[in-house]
């Protein structure tokens, strides 16, 4: 179906990945990422997926979960989960818990206890 779509060129991919790294903790829009790449929103999504194997949304969620894992593992154990969710750009603690479980297989609270 999308075999005619090429991967996002490396310079554009680097710009987008840098933007994600700088902004994943905030409300990062698909429109802003597409603008960073220089392509239309729809074309950008297809090219990003071809280049990385995942959608931009999935990539951002994965980056947020990685940061949450770091905070839960490295920071003081007293930091509240709701604060970790906010620091990682999740809309709520419940959203973080749902996504974290999908990616890691356990809830953030269980992950913290296992560390």
PDB file of N, CA and C in Angstrom:
ATOM      1  N   UNK A   1       0.832  -1.191   0.000  1.00  0.00           N
ATOM      2  CA  UNK A   1       0.000   0.000   0.000  1.00  0.00           C
ATOM      3  C   UNK A   1       0.873   1.250   0.000  1.00  0.00           C
ATOM      4  N   UNK A   2       1.761   1.391   0.985  1.00  0.00           N
ATOM      5  CA  UNK A   2       2.628   2.562   1.061  1.00  0.00           C
ATOM      6  C   UNK A   2       4.030   2.253   0.556  1.00  0.00           C
ATOM      7  N   UNK A   3       4.153   1.271  -0.346  1.00  0.00           N
ATOM      8  CA  UNK A   3       5.476   0.885  -0.821  1.00  0.00           C
ATOM      9  C   UNK A   3       6.127   2.004  -1.625  1.00  0.00           C
ATOM     10  N   UNK A   4       5.329   2.934  -2.137  1.00  0.00           N
ATOM     11  CA  UNK A   4       5.882   4.050  -2.901  1.00  0.00           C
ATOM     12  C   UNK A   4       6.362   5.196  -1.997  1.00  0.00           C
ATOM     13  N   UNK A   5       6.106   5.102  -0.708  1.00  0.00           N
ATOM     14  CA  UNK A   5       6.535   6.123   0.253  1.00  0.00           C
ATOM     15  C   UNK A   5       7.982   5.854   0.643  1.00  0.00           C
ATOM     16  N   UNK A   6       8.809   6.874   0.549  1.00  0.00           N
ATOM     17  CA  UNK A   6      10.199   6.711   0.978  1.00  0.00           C
ATOM     18  C   UNK A   6      10.336   7.122   2.440  1.00  0.00           C
ATOM     19  N   UNK A   7      11.421   6.681   3.037  1.00  0.00           N
ATOM     20  CA  UNK A   7      11.693   7.037   4.425  1.00  0.00           C
ATOM     21  C   UNK A   7      12.011   8.521   4.522  1.00  0.00           C
ATOM     22  N   UNK A   8      11.753   9.076   5.673  1.00  0.00           N
ATOM     23  CA  UNK A   8      12.086  10.470   5.933  1.00  0.00           C
ATOM     24  C   UNK A   8      13.593  10.637   5.759  1.00  0.00           C
ATOM     25  N   UNK A   9      14.035  11.615   4.964  1.00  0.00           N
ATOM     26  CA  UNK A   9      15.476  11.817   4.780  1.00  0.00           C
ATOM     27  C   UNK A   9      16.175  12.051   6.119  1.00  0.00           C
ATOM     28  N   UNK A  10      17.402  11.586   6.220  1.00  0.00           N
ATOM     29  CA  UNK A  10      18.141  11.622   7.477  1.00  0.00           C
ATOM     30  C   UNK A  10      18.238  13.018   8.096  1.00  0.00           C
ATOM     31  N   UNK A  11      18.525  14.068   7.336  1.00  0.00           N
ATOM     32  CA  UNK A  11      18.579  15.397   7.976  1.00  0.00           C
ATOM     33  C   UNK A  11      17.238  15.803   8.603  1.00  0.00           C
ATOM     34  N   UNK A  12      16.142  15.516   7.917  1.00  0.00           N
ATOM     35  CA  UNK A  12      14.816  15.836   8.448  1.00  0.00           C
ATOM     36  C   UNK A  12      14.506  14.953   9.656  1.00  0.00           C
ATOM     37  N   UNK A  13      14.874  13.679   9.580  1.00  0.00           N
ATOM     38  CA  UNK A  13      14.653  12.774  10.702  1.00  0.00           C
ATOM     39  C   UNK A  13      15.422  13.247  11.931  1.00  0.00           C
ATOM     40  N   UNK A  14      16.657  13.664  11.742  1.00  0.00           N
ATOM     41  CA  UNK A  14      17.445  14.172  12.874  1.00  0.00           C
ATOM     42  C   UNK A  14      16.800  15.406  13.499  1.00  0.00           C
ATOM     43  N   UNK A  15      16.301  16.318  12.659  1.00  0.00           N
ATOM     44  CA  UNK A  15      15.633  17.516  13.190  1.00  0.00           C
ATOM     45  C   UNK A  15      14.410  17.134  14.016  1.00  0.00           C
ATOM     46  N   UNK A  16      13.617  16.216  13.503  1.00  0.00           N
ATOM     47  CA  UNK A  16      12.404  15.785  14.196  1.00  0.00           C
ATOM     48  C   UNK A  16      12.763  15.076  15.505  1.00  0.00           C
ATOM     49  N   UNK A  17      13.736  14.183  15.478  1.00  0.00           N
ATOM     50  CA  UNK A  17      14.132  13.460  16.690  1.00  0.00           C
ATOM     51  C   UNK A  17      14.705  14.413  17.733  1.00  0.00           C
ATOM     52  N   UNK A  18      15.453  15.414  17.291  1.00  0.00           N
ATOM     53  CA  UNK A  18      15.950  16.439  18.227  1.00  0.00           C
ATOM     54  C   UNK A  18      14.798  17.209  18.838  1.00  0.00           C
ATOM     55  N   UNK A  19      13.817  17.542  18.025  1.00  0.00           N
ATOM     56  CA  UNK A  19      12.644  18.262  18.517  1.00  0.00           C
ATOM     57  C   UNK A  19      11.889  17.417  19.544  1.00  0.00           C
ATOM     58  N   UNK A  20      11.747  16.128  19.263  1.00  0.00           N
ATOM     59  CA  UNK A  20      11.082  15.230  20.210  1.00  0.00           C
ATOM     60  C   UNK A  20      11.864  15.186  21.508  1.00  0.00           C
ATOM     61  N   UNK A  21      13.180  15.056  21.419  1.00  0.00           N
ATOM     62  CA  UNK A  21      14.011  14.972  22.623  1.00  0.00           C
ATOM     63  C   UNK A  21      13.902  16.245  23.453  1.00  0.00           C
ATOM     64  N   UNK A  22      13.829  17.381  22.807  1.00  0.00           N
ATOM     65  CA  UNK A  22      13.733  18.655  23.517  1.00  0.00           C
ATOM     66  C   UNK A  22      12.346  18.902  24.088  1.00  0.00           C
ATOM     67  N   UNK A  23      11.316  18.310  23.482  1.00  0.00           N
ATOM     68  CA  UNK A  23       9.942  18.706  23.807  1.00  0.00           C
ATOM     69  C   UNK A  23       9.022  17.580  24.256  1.00  0.00           C
ATOM     70  N   UNK A  24       9.506  16.350  24.425  1.00  0.00           N
ATOM     71  CA  UNK A  24       8.589  15.250  24.736  1.00  0.00           C
ATOM     72  C   UNK A  24       7.889  15.435  26.071  1.00  0.00           C
ATOM     73  N   UNK A  25       8.428  16.268  26.944  1.00  0.00           N
ATOM     74  CA  UNK A  25       7.824  16.487  28.263  1.00  0.00           C
ATOM     75  C   UNK A  25       6.631  17.441  28.187  1.00  0.00           C
ATOM     76  N   UNK A  26       6.445  18.073  27.050  1.00  0.00           N
ATOM     77  CA  UNK A  26       5.339  19.023  26.898  1.00  0.00           C
ATOM     78  C   UNK A  26       4.340  18.475  25.880  1.00  0.00           C
ATOM     79  N   UNK A  27       3.332  19.263  25.605  1.00  0.00           N
ATOM     80  CA  UNK A  27       2.314  18.875  24.639  1.00  0.00           C
ATOM     81  C   UNK A  27       2.900  19.035  23.238  1.00  0.00           C
ATOM     82  N   UNK A  28       3.371  17.959  22.668  1.00  0.00           N
ATOM     83  CA  UNK A  28       4.061  17.961  21.387  1.00  0.00           C
ATOM     84  C   UNK A  28       3.063  17.580  20.297  1.00  0.00           C
ATOM     85  N   UNK A  29       2.811  18.482  19.365  1.00  0.00           N
ATOM     86  CA  UNK A  29       1.793  18.206  18.356  1.00  0.00           C
ATOM     87  C   UNK A  29       2.397  17.582  17.097  1.00  0.00           C
ATOM     88  N   UNK A  30       1.593  16.772  16.454  1.00  0.00           N
ATOM     89  CA  UNK A  30       1.982  16.168  15.192  1.00  0.00           C
ATOM     90  C   UNK A  30       2.224  17.246  14.142  1.00  0.00           C
ATOM     91  N   UNK A  31       1.436  18.292  14.190  1.00  0.00           N
ATOM     92  CA  UNK A  31       1.592  19.397  13.244  1.00  0.00           C
ATOM     93  C   UNK A  31       2.962  20.050  13.386  1.00  0.00           C
ATOM     94  N   UNK A  32       3.415  20.241  14.628  1.00  0.00           N
ATOM     95  CA  UNK A  32       4.725  20.873  14.827  1.00  0.00           C
ATOM     96  C   UNK A  32       5.856  19.956  14.368  1.00  0.00           C
ATOM     97  N   UNK A  33       5.706  18.661  14.569  1.00  0.00           N
ATOM     98  CA  UNK A  33       6.727  17.723  14.093  1.00  0.00           C
ATOM     99  C   UNK A  33       6.763  17.682  12.569  1.00  0.00           C
ATOM    100  N   UNK A  34       5.594  17.695  11.956  1.00  0.00           N
ATOM    101  CA  UNK A  34       5.533  17.707  10.490  1.00  0.00           C
ATOM    102  C   UNK A  34       6.178  18.980   9.950  1.00  0.00           C
ATOM    103  N   UNK A  35       5.909  20.100  10.591  1.00  0.00           N
ATOM    104  CA  UNK A  35       6.514  21.365  10.163  1.00  0.00           C
ATOM    105  C   UNK A  35       8.030  21.299  10.283  1.00  0.00           C
ATOM    106  N   UNK A  36       8.509  20.670  11.334  1.00  0.00           N
ATOM    107  CA  UNK A  36       9.955  20.507  11.533  1.00  0.00           C
ATOM    108  C   UNK A  36      10.574  19.704  10.390  1.00  0.00           C
ATOM    109  N   UNK A  37       9.822  18.748   9.878  1.00  0.00           N
ATOM    110  CA  UNK A  37      10.327  17.895   8.801  1.00  0.00           C
ATOM    111  C   UNK A  37      10.247  18.568   7.436  1.00  0.00           C
ATOM    112  N   UNK A  38       9.320  19.530   7.300  1.00  0.00           N
ATOM    113  CA  UNK A  38       9.133  20.183   6.009  1.00  0.00           C
ATOM    114  C   UNK A  38       8.131  19.480   5.111  1.00  0.00           C
ATOM    115  N   UNK A  39       7.427  18.488   5.645  1.00  0.00           N
ATOM    116  CA  UNK A  39       6.441  17.744   4.860  1.00  0.00           C
ATOM    117  C   UNK A  39       5.050  17.960   5.443  1.00  0.00           C
ATOM    118  N   UNK A  40       4.041  17.639   4.633  1.00  0.00           N
ATOM    119  CA  UNK A  40       2.666  17.724   5.127  1.00  0.00           C
ATOM    120  C   UNK A  40       2.493  16.701   6.243  1.00  0.00           C
ATOM    121  N   UNK A  41       1.502  16.930   7.067  1.00  0.00           N
ATOM    122  CA  UNK A  41       1.263  16.070   8.228  1.00  0.00           C
ATOM    123  C   UNK A  41       1.084  14.603   7.829  1.00  0.00           C
ATOM    124  N   UNK A  42       0.228  14.358   6.851  1.00  0.00           N
ATOM    125  CA  UNK A  42      -0.039  12.982   6.416  1.00  0.00           C
ATOM    126  C   UNK A  42       1.185  12.306   5.819  1.00  0.00           C
ATOM    127  N   UNK A  43       1.892  13.037   4.980  1.00  0.00           N
ATOM    128  CA  UNK A  43       3.084  12.474   4.353  1.00  0.00           C
ATOM    129  C   UNK A  43       4.178  12.252   5.400  1.00  0.00           C
ATOM    130  N   UNK A  44       4.301  13.186   6.328  1.00  0.00           N
ATOM    131  CA  UNK A  44       5.294  13.058   7.390  1.00  0.00           C
ATOM    132  C   UNK A  44       5.092  11.778   8.196  1.00  0.00           C
ATOM    133  N   UNK A  45       3.854  11.493   8.589  1.00  0.00           N
ATOM    134  CA  UNK A  45       3.563  10.302   9.388  1.00  0.00           C
ATOM    135  C   UNK A  45       4.030   9.045   8.647  1.00  0.00           C
ATOM    136  N   UNK A  46       3.718   8.954   7.377  1.00  0.00           N
ATOM    137  CA  UNK A  46       4.110   7.776   6.597  1.00  0.00           C
ATOM    138  C   UNK A  46       5.626   7.677   6.464  1.00  0.00           C
ATOM    139  N   UNK A  47       6.276   8.800   6.213  1.00  0.00           N
ATOM    140  CA  UNK A  47       7.735   8.797   6.036  1.00  0.00           C
ATOM    141  C   UNK A  47       8.450   8.510   7.365  1.00  0.00           C
ATOM    142  N   UNK A  48       7.927   9.048   8.456  1.00  0.00           N
ATOM    143  CA  UNK A  48       8.517   8.798   9.772  1.00  0.00           C
ATOM    144  C   UNK A  48       8.407   7.315  10.105  1.00  0.00           C
ATOM    145  N   UNK A  49       7.243   6.752   9.854  1.00  0.00           N
ATOM    146  CA  UNK A  49       7.040   5.327  10.142  1.00  0.00           C
ATOM    147  C   UNK A  49       7.964   4.461   9.293  1.00  0.00           C
ATOM    148  N   UNK A  50       8.136   4.837   8.053  1.00  0.00           N
ATOM    149  CA  UNK A  50       9.031   4.083   7.162  1.00  0.00           C
ATOM    150  C   UNK A  50      10.472   4.169   7.684  1.00  0.00           C
ATOM    151  N   UNK A  51      10.864   5.320   8.231  1.00  0.00           N
ATOM    152  CA  UNK A  51      12.236   5.519   8.714  1.00  0.00           C
ATOM    153  C   UNK A  51      12.497   4.859  10.057  1.00  0.00           C
ATOM    154  N   UNK A  52      11.484   4.820  10.931  1.00  0.00           N
ATOM    155  CA  UNK A  52      11.705   4.351  12.307  1.00  0.00           C
ATOM    156  C   UNK A  52      10.999   3.045  12.642  1.00  0.00           C
ATOM    157  N   UNK A  53      10.013   2.683  11.856  1.00  0.00           N
ATOM    158  CA  UNK A  53       9.245   1.468  12.142  1.00  0.00           C
ATOM    159  C   UNK A  53       8.049   1.699  13.050  1.00  0.00           C
ATOM    160  N   UNK A  54       7.889   2.923  13.550  1.00  0.00           N
ATOM    161  CA  UNK A  54       6.751   3.262  14.419  1.00  0.00           C
ATOM    162  C   UNK A  54       6.204   4.632  14.028  1.00  0.00           C
ATOM    163  N   UNK A  55       4.987   4.905  14.468  1.00  0.00           N
ATOM    164  CA  UNK A  55       4.401   6.218  14.207  1.00  0.00           C
ATOM    165  C   UNK A  55       5.049   7.258  15.112  1.00  0.00           C
ATOM    166  N   UNK A  56       4.945   8.532  14.764  1.00  0.00           N
ATOM    167  CA  UNK A  56       5.474   9.568  15.652  1.00  0.00           C
ATOM    168  C   UNK A  56       4.860   9.500  17.052  1.00  0.00           C
ATOM    169  N   UNK A  57       3.573   9.237  17.131  1.00  0.00           N
ATOM    170  CA  UNK A  57       2.895   9.149  18.427  1.00  0.00           C
ATOM    171  C   UNK A  57       3.500   8.036  19.280  1.00  0.00           C
ATOM    172  N   UNK A  58       3.696   6.880  18.689  1.00  0.00           N
ATOM    173  CA  UNK A  58       4.285   5.747  19.401  1.00  0.00           C
ATOM    174  C   UNK A  58       5.704   6.090  19.851  1.00  0.00           C
ATOM    175  N   UNK A  59       6.458   6.743  18.997  1.00  0.00           N
ATOM    176  CA  UNK A  59       7.835   7.114  19.333  1.00  0.00           C
ATOM    177  C   UNK A  59       7.857   8.051  20.541  1.00  0.00           C
ATOM    178  N   UNK A  60       6.976   9.057  20.531  1.00  0.00           N
ATOM    179  CA  UNK A  60       6.916  10.011  21.641  1.00  0.00           C
ATOM    180  C   UNK A  60       6.494   9.299  22.931  1.00  0.00           C
ATOM    181  N   UNK A  61       5.488   8.432  22.847  1.00  0.00           N
ATOM    182  CA  UNK A  61       5.066   7.696  24.042  1.00  0.00           C
ATOM    183  C   UNK A  61       6.205   6.843  24.589  1.00  0.00           C
ATOM    184  N   UNK A  62       6.926   6.185  23.701  1.00  0.00           N
ATOM    185  CA  UNK A  62       8.056   5.351  24.135  1.00  0.00           C
ATOM    186  C   UNK A  62       9.112   6.205  24.835  1.00  0.00           C
ATOM    187  N   UNK A  63       9.365   7.396  24.304  1.00  0.00           N
ATOM    188  CA  UNK A  63      10.354   8.287  24.921  1.00  0.00           C
ATOM    189  C   UNK A  63       9.885   8.742  26.302  1.00  0.00           C
ATOM    190  N   UNK A  64       8.593   9.022  26.432  1.00  0.00           N
ATOM    191  CA  UNK A  64       8.041   9.415  27.729  1.00  0.00           C
ATOM    192  C   UNK A  64       8.156   8.280  28.737  1.00  0.00           C
ATOM    193  N   UNK A  65       7.896   7.067  28.310  1.00  0.00           N
ATOM    194  CA  UNK A  65       8.012   5.912  29.205  1.00  0.00           C
ATOM    195  C   UNK A  65       9.472   5.717  29.617  1.00  0.00           C
ATOM    196  N   UNK A  66      10.400   5.880  28.684  1.00  0.00           N
ATOM    197  CA  UNK A  66      11.827   5.767  29.030  1.00  0.00           C
ATOM    198  C   UNK A  66      12.200   6.777  30.114  1.00  0.00           C
ATOM    199  N   UNK A  67      11.705   7.993  29.976  1.00  0.00           N
ATOM    200  CA  UNK A  67      11.999   9.027  30.967  1.00  0.00           C
ATOM    201  C   UNK A  67      11.343   8.694  32.313  1.00  0.00           C
ATOM    202  N   UNK A  68      10.127   8.178  32.271  1.00  0.00           N
ATOM    203  CA  UNK A  68       9.446   7.781  33.509  1.00  0.00           C
ATOM    204  C   UNK A  68      10.222   6.673  34.205  1.00  0.00           C
ATOM    205  N   UNK A  69      10.704   5.711  33.438  1.00  0.00           N
ATOM    206  CA  UNK A  69      11.509   4.630  34.028  1.00  0.00           C
ATOM    207  C   UNK A  69      12.747   5.197  34.703  1.00  0.00           C
ATOM    208  N   UNK A  70      13.396   6.137  34.046  1.00  0.00           N
ATOM    209  CA  UNK A  70      14.577   6.773  34.628  1.00  0.00           C
ATOM    210  C   UNK A  70      14.221   7.465  35.940  1.00  0.00           C
ATOM    211  N   UNK A  71      13.149   8.250  35.935  1.00  0.00           N
ATOM    212  CA  UNK A  71      12.754   8.972  37.143  1.00  0.00           C
ATOM    213  C   UNK A  71      12.377   8.018  38.273  1.00  0.00           C
ATOM    214  N   UNK A  72      11.685   6.950  37.938  1.00  0.00           N
ATOM    215  CA  UNK A  72      11.260   5.997  38.957  1.00  0.00           C
ATOM    216  C   UNK A  72      12.437   5.204  39.515  1.00  0.00           C
ATOM    217  N   UNK A  73      13.455   5.029  38.710  1.00  0.00           N
ATOM    218  CA  UNK A  73      14.608   4.239  39.117  1.00  0.00           C
ATOM    219  C   UNK A  73      15.668   5.088  39.804  1.00  0.00           C
ATOM    220  N   UNK A  74      15.907   6.283  39.286  1.00  0.00           N
ATOM    221  CA  UNK A  74      17.041   7.086  39.712  1.00  0.00           C
ATOM    222  C   UNK A  74      16.706   8.149  40.757  1.00  0.00           C
ATOM    223  N   UNK A  75      15.512   8.650  40.742  1.00  0.00           N
ATOM    224  CA  UNK A  75      15.153   9.745  41.651  1.00  0.00           C
ATOM    225  C   UNK A  75      14.763   9.220  43.022  1.00  0.00           C
ATOM    226  N   UNK A  76      14.563  10.165  43.946  1.00  0.00           N
ATOM    227  CA  UNK A  76      14.151   9.772  45.292  1.00  0.00           C
ATOM    228  C   UNK A  76      12.854   8.972  45.228  1.00  0.00           C
ATOM    229  N   UNK A  77      12.763   7.948  46.050  1.00  0.00           N
ATOM    230  CA  UNK A  77      11.559   7.121  46.014  1.00  0.00           C
ATOM    231  C   UNK A  77      10.302   7.870  46.442  1.00  0.00           C
ATOM    232  N   UNK A  78      10.448   9.026  47.065  1.00  0.00           N
ATOM    233  CA  UNK A  78       9.293   9.764  47.542  1.00  0.00           C
ATOM    234  C   UNK A  78       8.587  10.589  46.479  1.00  0.00           C
ATOM    235  N   UNK A  79       9.143  10.688  45.271  1.00  0.00           N
ATOM    236  CA  UNK A  79       8.494  11.492  44.235  1.00  0.00           C
ATOM    237  C   UNK A  79       7.171  10.820  43.859  1.00  0.00           C
ATOM    238  N   UNK A  80       6.114  11.603  43.850  1.00  0.00           N
ATOM    239  CA  UNK A  80       4.775  11.051  43.603  1.00  0.00           C
ATOM    240  C   UNK A  80       4.609  10.671  42.134  1.00  0.00           C
ATOM    241  N   UNK A  81       3.827   9.637  41.895  1.00  0.00           N
ATOM    242  CA  UNK A  81       3.590   9.184  40.519  1.00  0.00           C
ATOM    243  C   UNK A  81       2.925  10.265  39.685  1.00  0.00           C
ATOM    244  N   UNK A  82       2.052  11.040  40.296  1.00  0.00           N
ATOM    245  CA  UNK A  82       1.398  12.118  39.553  1.00  0.00           C
ATOM    246  C   UNK A  82       2.433  13.153  39.083  1.00  0.00           C
ATOM    247  N   UNK A  83       3.472  13.362  39.892  1.00  0.00           N
ATOM    248  CA  UNK A  83       4.536  14.285  39.504  1.00  0.00           C
ATOM    249  C   UNK A  83       5.404  13.698  38.394  1.00  0.00           C
ATOM    250  N   UNK A  84       5.657  12.401  38.454  1.00  0.00           N
ATOM    251  CA  UNK A  84       6.402  11.737  37.378  1.00  0.00           C
ATOM    252  C   UNK A  84       5.625  11.864  36.070  1.00  0.00           C
ATOM    253  N   UNK A  85       4.324  11.637  36.127  1.00  0.00           N
ATOM    254  CA  UNK A  85       3.485  11.758  34.930  1.00  0.00           C
ATOM    255  C   UNK A  85       3.593  13.152  34.336  1.00  0.00           C
ATOM    256  N   UNK A  86       3.518  14.169  35.170  1.00  0.00           N
ATOM    257  CA  UNK A  86       3.604  15.553  34.686  1.00  0.00           C
ATOM    258  C   UNK A  86       4.984  15.847  34.111  1.00  0.00           C
ATOM    259  N   UNK A  87       6.028  15.373  34.762  1.00  0.00           N
ATOM    260  CA  UNK A  87       7.399  15.614  34.296  1.00  0.00           C
ATOM    261  C   UNK A  87       7.703  14.925  32.964  1.00  0.00           C
ATOM    262  N   UNK A  88       6.942  13.894  32.655  1.00  0.00           N
ATOM    263  CA  UNK A  88       7.171  13.132  31.425  1.00  0.00           C
ATOM    264  C   UNK A  88       6.236  13.526  30.285  1.00  0.00           C
ATOM    265  N   UNK A  89       5.300  14.438  30.548  1.00  0.00           N
ATOM    266  CA  UNK A  89       4.419  14.906  29.490  1.00  0.00           C
ATOM    267  C   UNK A  89       3.134  14.127  29.326  1.00  0.00           C
ATOM    268  N   UNK A  90       2.828  13.239  30.261  1.00  0.00           N
ATOM    269  CA  UNK A  90       1.551  12.523  30.189  1.00  0.00           C
ATOM    270  C   UNK A  90       0.432  13.446  30.649  1.00  0.00           C
ATOM    271  N   UNK A  91      -0.762  13.238  30.119  1.00  0.00           N
ATOM    272  CA  UNK A  91      -1.889  14.108  30.456  1.00  0.00           C
ATOM    273  C   UNK A  91      -2.393  13.879  31.878  1.00  0.00           C
ATOM    274  N   UNK A  92      -2.133  12.691  32.433  1.00  0.00           N
ATOM    275  CA  UNK A  92      -2.562  12.378  33.791  1.00  0.00           C
ATOM    276  C   UNK A  92      -1.789  11.163  34.294  1.00  0.00           C
ATOM    277  N   UNK A  93      -1.913  10.899  35.571  1.00  0.00           N
ATOM    278  CA  UNK A  93      -1.280   9.705  36.133  1.00  0.00           C
ATOM    279  C   UNK A  93      -1.911   8.448  35.532  1.00  0.00           C
ATOM    280  N   UNK A  94      -3.217   8.479  35.323  1.00  0.00           N
ATOM    281  CA  UNK A  94      -3.904   7.319  34.740  1.00  0.00           C
ATOM    282  C   UNK A  94      -3.397   7.036  33.331  1.00  0.00           C
ATOM    283  N   UNK A  95      -3.183   8.099  32.555  1.00  0.00           N
ATOM    284  CA  UNK A  95      -2.659   7.931  31.201  1.00  0.00           C
ATOM    285  C   UNK A  95      -1.259   7.321  31.249  1.00  0.00           C
ATOM    286  N   UNK A  96      -0.412   7.827  32.155  1.00  0.00           N
ATOM    287  CA  UNK A  96       0.931   7.269  32.287  1.00  0.00           C
ATOM    288  C   UNK A  96       0.857   5.792  32.663  1.00  0.00           C
ATOM    289  N   UNK A  97      -0.006   5.459  33.610  1.00  0.00           N
ATOM    290  CA  UNK A  97      -0.123   4.077  34.059  1.00  0.00           C
ATOM    291  C   UNK A  97      -0.528   3.163  32.916  1.00  0.00           C
ATOM    292  N   UNK A  98      -1.493   3.591  32.133  1.00  0.00           N
ATOM    293  CA  UNK A  98      -1.973   2.787  31.001  1.00  0.00           C
ATOM    294  C   UNK A  98      -0.860   2.567  29.981  1.00  0.00           C
ATOM    295  N   UNK A  99      -0.199   3.635  29.583  1.00  0.00           N
ATOM    296  CA  UNK A  99       0.852   3.540  28.565  1.00  0.00           C
ATOM    297  C   UNK A  99       2.059   2.781  29.116  1.00  0.00           C
ATOM    298  N   UNK A 100       2.442   3.065  30.347  1.00  0.00           N
ATOM    299  CA  UNK A 100       3.579   2.398  30.983  1.00  0.00           C
ATOM    300  C   UNK A 100       3.364   0.890  31.012  1.00  0.00           C
ATOM    301  N   UNK A 101       2.160   0.476  31.386  1.00  0.00           N
ATOM    302  CA  UNK A 101       1.845  -0.957  31.434  1.00  0.00           C
ATOM    303  C   UNK A 101       1.944  -1.580  30.043  1.00  0.00           C
ATOM    304  N   UNK A 102       1.489  -0.876  29.022  1.00  0.00           N
ATOM    305  CA  UNK A 102       1.568  -1.397  27.652  1.00  0.00           C
ATOM    306  C   UNK A 102       3.024  -1.605  27.225  1.00  0.00           C
ATOM    307  N   UNK A 103       3.893  -0.666  27.576  1.00  0.00           N
ATOM    308  CA  UNK A 103       5.282  -0.719  27.129  1.00  0.00           C
ATOM    309  C   UNK A 103       6.165  -1.595  28.019  1.00  0.00           C
ATOM    310  N   UNK A 104       5.932  -1.566  29.322  1.00  0.00           N
ATOM    311  CA  UNK A 104       6.838  -2.220  30.268  1.00  0.00           C
ATOM    312  C   UNK A 104       6.264  -3.524  30.814  1.00  0.00           C
ATOM    313  N   UNK A 105       4.952  -3.639  30.842  1.00  0.00           N
ATOM    314  CA  UNK A 105       4.320  -4.857  31.332  1.00  0.00           C
ATOM    315  C   UNK A 105       3.888  -4.799  32.788  1.00  0.00           C
ATOM    316  N   UNK A 106       4.246  -3.721  33.479  1.00  0.00           N
ATOM    317  CA  UNK A 106       3.833  -3.518  34.870  1.00  0.00           C
ATOM    318  C   UNK A 106       3.444  -2.052  35.044  1.00  0.00           C
ATOM    319  N   UNK A 107       2.747  -1.751  36.113  1.00  0.00           N
ATOM    320  CA  UNK A 107       2.391  -0.365  36.383  1.00  0.00           C
ATOM    321  C   UNK A 107       3.614   0.397  36.894  1.00  0.00           C
ATOM    322  N   UNK A 108       3.603   1.726  36.839  1.00  0.00           N
ATOM    323  CA  UNK A 108       4.728   2.497  37.379  1.00  0.00           C
ATOM    324  C   UNK A 108       4.984   2.211  38.860  1.00  0.00           C
ATOM    325  N   UNK A 109       3.929   2.047  39.635  1.00  0.00           N
ATOM    326  CA  UNK A 109       4.090   1.741  41.055  1.00  0.00           C
ATOM    327  C   UNK A 109       4.786   0.405  41.269  1.00  0.00           C
ATOM    328  N   UNK A 110       4.366  -0.603  40.505  1.00  0.00           N
ATOM    329  CA  UNK A 110       5.022  -1.917  40.613  1.00  0.00           C
ATOM    330  C   UNK A 110       6.470  -1.839  40.136  1.00  0.00           C
ATOM    331  N   UNK A 111       6.701  -1.085  39.082  1.00  0.00           N
ATOM    332  CA  UNK A 111       8.076  -0.923  38.571  1.00  0.00           C
ATOM    333  C   UNK A 111       8.969  -0.307  39.640  1.00  0.00           C
ATOM    334  N   UNK A 112       8.462   0.720  40.288  1.00  0.00           N
ATOM    335  CA  UNK A 112       9.234   1.378  41.356  1.00  0.00           C
ATOM    336  C   UNK A 112       9.553   0.397  42.482  1.00  0.00           C
ATOM    337  N   UNK A 113       8.569  -0.380  42.884  1.00  0.00           N
ATOM    338  CA  UNK A 113       8.788  -1.339  43.967  1.00  0.00           C
ATOM    339  C   UNK A 113       9.803  -2.416  43.586  1.00  0.00           C
ATOM    340  N   UNK A 114       9.863  -2.765  42.308  1.00  0.00           N
ATOM    341  CA  UNK A 114      10.813  -3.775  41.837  1.00  0.00           C
ATOM    342  C   UNK A 114      12.242  -3.254  41.789  1.00  0.00           C
ATOM    343  N   UNK A 115      12.391  -1.942  41.764  1.00  0.00           N
ATOM    344  CA  UNK A 115      13.729  -1.358  41.692  1.00  0.00           C
ATOM    345  C   UNK A 115      14.306  -1.371  43.049  1.00  0.00           C
TER     346      UNK A 115
END
